[in-house]
Amino acid sequence: MRLKYGGMAADLAKQLRALEKENARLKKLVADQALDMEFLKEAANAN
């Protein structure tokens, strides 16, 4: 951890980690949504 955020102030490093965590959460939501859309497209085309 120290190597990654070495020269950064502690509060900025903490904020960056929080943003990275939020970004990962949002990317997962987008991936799940895309998967749901693909499933619905396949279901609609099956008829």
PDB file of N, CA and C in Angstrom:
ATOM      1  N   MET A   1       0.837  -1.183   0.000  1.00  0.00           N
ATOM      2  CA  MET A   1       0.000   0.000   0.000  1.00  0.00           C
ATOM      3  C   MET A   1       0.883   1.248   0.000  1.00  0.00           C
ATOM      4  N   ARG A   2       1.923   1.223   0.815  1.00  0.00           N
ATOM      5  CA  ARG A   2       2.788   2.387   0.923  1.00  0.00           C
ATOM      6  C   ARG A   2       3.458   2.702  -0.409  1.00  0.00           C
ATOM      7  N   LEU A   3       3.806   1.668  -1.166  1.00  0.00           N
ATOM      8  CA  LEU A   3       4.436   1.894  -2.465  1.00  0.00           C
ATOM      9  C   LEU A   3       3.474   2.556  -3.439  1.00  0.00           C
ATOM     10  N   LYS A   4       2.215   2.146  -3.406  1.00  0.00           N
ATOM     11  CA  LYS A   4       1.233   2.677  -4.343  1.00  0.00           C
ATOM     12  C   LYS A   4       0.906   4.139  -4.047  1.00  0.00           C
ATOM     13  N   TYR A   5       0.775   4.482  -2.768  1.00  0.00           N
ATOM     14  CA  TYR A   5       0.362   5.829  -2.376  1.00  0.00           C
ATOM     15  C   TYR A   5       1.487   6.586  -1.664  1.00  0.00           C
ATOM     16  N   GLY A   6       2.727   6.192  -1.895  1.00  0.00           N
ATOM     17  CA  GLY A   6       3.883   6.690  -1.169  1.00  0.00           C
ATOM     18  C   GLY A   6       3.961   8.179  -0.909  1.00  0.00           C
ATOM     19  N   GLY A   7       3.934   9.013  -1.927  1.00  0.00           N
ATOM     20  CA  GLY A   7       4.133  10.440  -1.734  1.00  0.00           C
ATOM     21  C   GLY A   7       2.853  11.217  -1.507  1.00  0.00           C
ATOM     22  N   MET A   8       1.758  10.529  -1.299  1.00  0.00           N
ATOM     23  CA  MET A   8       0.459  11.188  -1.198  1.00  0.00           C
ATOM     24  C   MET A   8       0.086  11.416   0.269  1.00  0.00           C
ATOM     25  N   ALA A   9      -0.556  12.532   0.541  1.00  0.00           N
ATOM     26  CA  ALA A   9      -1.041  12.801   1.889  1.00  0.00           C
ATOM     27  C   ALA A   9      -2.072  11.740   2.273  1.00  0.00           C
ATOM     28  N   ALA A  10      -2.125  11.419   3.559  1.00  0.00           N
ATOM     29  CA  ALA A  10      -2.991  10.337   4.042  1.00  0.00           C
ATOM     30  C   ALA A  10      -4.454  10.571   3.693  1.00  0.00           C
ATOM     31  N   ASP A  11      -4.927  11.798   3.831  1.00  0.00           N
ATOM     32  CA  ASP A  11      -6.340  12.063   3.532  1.00  0.00           C
ATOM     33  C   ASP A  11      -6.643  11.895   2.047  1.00  0.00           C
ATOM     34  N   LEU A  12      -5.691  12.276   1.193  1.00  0.00           N
ATOM     35  CA  LEU A  12      -5.888  12.091  -0.245  1.00  0.00           C
ATOM     36  C   LEU A  12      -5.846  10.615  -0.623  1.00  0.00           C
ATOM     37  N   ALA A  13      -4.955   9.874   0.008  1.00  0.00           N
ATOM     38  CA  ALA A  13      -4.865   8.440  -0.267  1.00  0.00           C
ATOM     39  C   ALA A  13      -6.154   7.748   0.157  1.00  0.00           C
ATOM     40  N   LYS A  14      -6.696   8.142   1.290  1.00  0.00           N
ATOM     41  CA  LYS A  14      -7.952   7.566   1.780  1.00  0.00           C
ATOM     42  C   LYS A  14      -9.096   7.891   0.820  1.00  0.00           C
ATOM     43  N   GLN A  15      -9.134   9.121   0.349  1.00  0.00           N
ATOM     44  CA  GLN A  15     -10.173   9.533  -0.600  1.00  0.00           C
ATOM     45  C   GLN A  15     -10.023   8.760  -1.917  1.00  0.00           C
ATOM     46  N   LEU A  16      -8.796   8.579  -2.371  1.00  0.00           N
ATOM     47  CA  LEU A  16      -8.550   7.836  -3.606  1.00  0.00           C
ATOM     48  C   LEU A  16      -9.012   6.389  -3.465  1.00  0.00           C
ATOM     49  N   ARG A  17      -8.697   5.763  -2.341  1.00  0.00           N
ATOM     50  CA  ARG A  17      -9.140   4.382  -2.116  1.00  0.00           C
ATOM     51  C   ARG A  17     -10.659   4.298  -2.111  1.00  0.00           C
ATOM     52  N   ALA A  18     -11.328   5.269  -1.506  1.00  0.00           N
ATOM     53  CA  ALA A  18     -12.792   5.279  -1.485  1.00  0.00           C
ATOM     54  C   ALA A  18     -13.351   5.419  -2.900  1.00  0.00           C
ATOM     55  N   LEU A  19     -12.738   6.281  -3.709  1.00  0.00           N
ATOM     56  CA  LEU A  19     -13.189   6.456  -5.089  1.00  0.00           C
ATOM     57  C   LEU A  19     -12.940   5.199  -5.919  1.00  0.00           C
ATOM     58  N   GLU A  20     -11.806   4.550  -5.692  1.00  0.00           N
ATOM     59  CA  GLU A  20     -11.520   3.306  -6.409  1.00  0.00           C
ATOM     60  C   GLU A  20     -12.530   2.224  -6.043  1.00  0.00           C
ATOM     61  N   LYS A  21     -12.903   2.170  -4.772  1.00  0.00           N
ATOM     62  CA  LYS A  21     -13.895   1.189  -4.319  1.00  0.00           C
ATOM     63  C   LYS A  21     -15.256   1.478  -4.953  1.00  0.00           C
ATOM     64  N   GLU A  22     -15.644   2.737  -4.973  1.00  0.00           N
ATOM     65  CA  GLU A  22     -16.918   3.130  -5.585  1.00  0.00           C
ATOM     66  C   GLU A  22     -16.908   2.838  -7.084  1.00  0.00           C
ATOM     67  N   ASN A  23     -15.780   3.100  -7.734  1.00  0.00           N
ATOM     68  CA  ASN A  23     -15.649   2.833  -9.164  1.00  0.00           C
ATOM     69  C   ASN A  23     -15.822   1.344  -9.452  1.00  0.00           C
ATOM     70  N   ALA A  24     -15.219   0.499  -8.637  1.00  0.00           N
ATOM     71  CA  ALA A  24     -15.355  -0.951  -8.813  1.00  0.00           C
ATOM     72  C   ALA A  24     -16.807  -1.375  -8.635  1.00  0.00           C
ATOM     73  N   ARG A  25     -17.487  -0.795  -7.657  1.00  0.00           N
ATOM     74  CA  ARG A  25     -18.896  -1.119  -7.416  1.00  0.00           C
ATOM     75  C   ARG A  25     -19.753  -0.727  -8.618  1.00  0.00           C
ATOM     76  N   LEU A  26     -19.501   0.454  -9.161  1.00  0.00           N
ATOM     77  CA  LEU A  26     -20.276   0.923 -10.307  1.00  0.00           C
ATOM     78  C   LEU A  26     -19.983   0.095 -11.557  1.00  0.00           C
ATOM     79  N   LYS A  27     -18.726  -0.295 -11.750  1.00  0.00           N
ATOM     80  CA  LYS A  27     -18.382  -1.143 -12.899  1.00  0.00           C
ATOM     81  C   LYS A  27     -19.105  -2.481 -12.815  1.00  0.00           C
ATOM     82  N   LYS A  28     -19.223  -3.031 -11.604  1.00  0.00           N
ATOM     83  CA  LYS A  28     -19.939  -4.291 -11.427  1.00  0.00           C
ATOM     84  C   LYS A  28     -21.418  -4.104 -11.758  1.00  0.00           C
ATOM     85  N   LEU A  29     -22.001  -2.989 -11.333  1.00  0.00           N
ATOM     86  CA  LEU A  29     -23.404  -2.713 -11.652  1.00  0.00           C
ATOM     87  C   LEU A  29     -23.622  -2.634 -13.157  1.00  0.00           C
ATOM     88  N   VAL A  30     -22.719  -1.964 -13.854  1.00  0.00           N
ATOM     89  CA  VAL A  30     -22.832  -1.837 -15.312  1.00  0.00           C
ATOM     90  C   VAL A  30     -22.706  -3.206 -15.971  1.00  0.00           C
ATOM     91  N   ALA A  31     -21.771  -4.018 -15.504  1.00  0.00           N
ATOM     92  CA  ALA A  31     -21.599  -5.359 -16.068  1.00  0.00           C
ATOM     93  C   ALA A  31     -22.843  -6.207 -15.830  1.00  0.00           C
ATOM     94  N   ASP A  32     -23.402  -6.130 -14.627  1.00  0.00           N
ATOM     95  CA  ASP A  32     -24.625  -6.879 -14.324  1.00  0.00           C
ATOM     96  C   ASP A  32     -25.781  -6.411 -15.197  1.00  0.00           C
ATOM     97  N   GLN A  33     -25.881  -5.120 -15.390  1.00  0.00           N
ATOM     98  CA  GLN A  33     -26.950  -4.558 -16.227  1.00  0.00           C
ATOM     99  C   GLN A  33     -26.803  -5.030 -17.675  1.00  0.00           C
ATOM    100  N   ALA A  34     -25.576  -5.027 -18.179  1.00  0.00           N
ATOM    101  CA  ALA A  34     -25.330  -5.478 -19.552  1.00  0.00           C
ATOM    102  C   ALA A  34     -25.695  -6.951 -19.701  1.00  0.00           C
ATOM    103  N   LEU A  35     -25.380  -7.741 -18.694  1.00  0.00           N
ATOM    104  CA  LEU A  35     -25.724  -9.161 -18.720  1.00  0.00           C
ATOM    105  C   LEU A  35     -27.239  -9.345 -18.719  1.00  0.00           C
ATOM    106  N   ASP A  36     -27.930  -8.576 -17.894  1.00  0.00           N
ATOM    107  CA  ASP A  36     -29.398  -8.638 -17.863  1.00  0.00           C
ATOM    108  C   ASP A  36     -29.990  -8.259 -19.214  1.00  0.00           C
ATOM    109  N   MET A  37     -29.446  -7.218 -19.832  1.00  0.00           N
ATOM    110  CA  MET A  37     -29.956  -6.784 -21.133  1.00  0.00           C
ATOM    111  C   MET A  37     -29.739  -7.867 -22.185  1.00  0.00           C
ATOM    112  N   GLU A  38     -28.578  -8.511 -22.150  1.00  0.00           N
ATOM    113  CA  GLU A  38     -28.286  -9.578 -23.107  1.00  0.00           C
ATOM    114  C   GLU A  38     -29.249 -10.746 -22.912  1.00  0.00           C
ATOM    115  N   PHE A  39     -29.513 -11.089 -21.673  1.00  0.00           N
ATOM    116  CA  PHE A  39     -30.459 -12.164 -21.367  1.00  0.00           C
ATOM    117  C   PHE A  39     -31.848 -11.823 -21.903  1.00  0.00           C
ATOM    118  N   LEU A  40     -32.280 -10.586 -21.694  1.00  0.00           N
ATOM    119  CA  LEU A  40     -33.603 -10.173 -22.168  1.00  0.00           C
ATOM    120  C   LEU A  40     -33.677 -10.171 -23.694  1.00  0.00           C
ATOM    121  N   LYS A  41     -32.595  -9.757 -24.355  1.00  0.00           N
ATOM    122  CA  LYS A  41     -32.567  -9.787 -25.823  1.00  0.00           C
ATOM    123  C   LYS A  41     -32.710 -11.216 -26.329  1.00  0.00           C
ATOM    124  N   GLU A  42     -31.968 -12.133 -25.719  1.00  0.00           N
ATOM    125  CA  GLU A  42     -32.044 -13.536 -26.133  1.00  0.00           C
ATOM    126  C   GLU A  42     -33.434 -14.104 -25.879  1.00  0.00           C
ATOM    127  N   ALA A  43     -34.034 -13.745 -24.759  1.00  0.00           N
ATOM    128  CA  ALA A  43     -35.374 -14.231 -24.438  1.00  0.00           C
ATOM    129  C   ALA A  43     -36.394 -13.680 -25.431  1.00  0.00           C
ATOM    130  N   ALA A  44     -36.239 -12.427 -25.826  1.00  0.00           N
ATOM    131  CA  ALA A  44     -37.170 -11.813 -26.772  1.00  0.00           C
ATOM    132  C   ALA A  44     -37.020 -12.432 -28.161  1.00  0.00           C
ATOM    133  N   ASN A  45     -35.803 -12.775 -28.547  1.00  0.00           N
ATOM    134  CA  ASN A  45     -35.557 -13.371 -29.861  1.00  0.00           C
ATOM    135  C   ASN A  45     -35.962 -14.840 -29.921  1.00  0.00           C
ATOM    136  N   ALA A  46     -36.132 -15.483 -28.790  1.00  0.00           N
ATOM    137  CA  ALA A  46     -36.495 -16.903 -28.748  1.00  0.00           C
ATOM    138  C   ALA A  46     -37.940 -17.119 -29.182  1.00  0.00           C
ATOM    139  N   ASN A  47     -38.743 -16.097 -29.101  1.00  0.00           N
ATOM    140  CA  ASN A  47     -40.170 -16.239 -29.454  1.00  0.00           C
ATOM    141  C   ASN A  47     -40.402 -16.137 -30.923  1.00  0.00           C
TER     142      ASN A  47
END
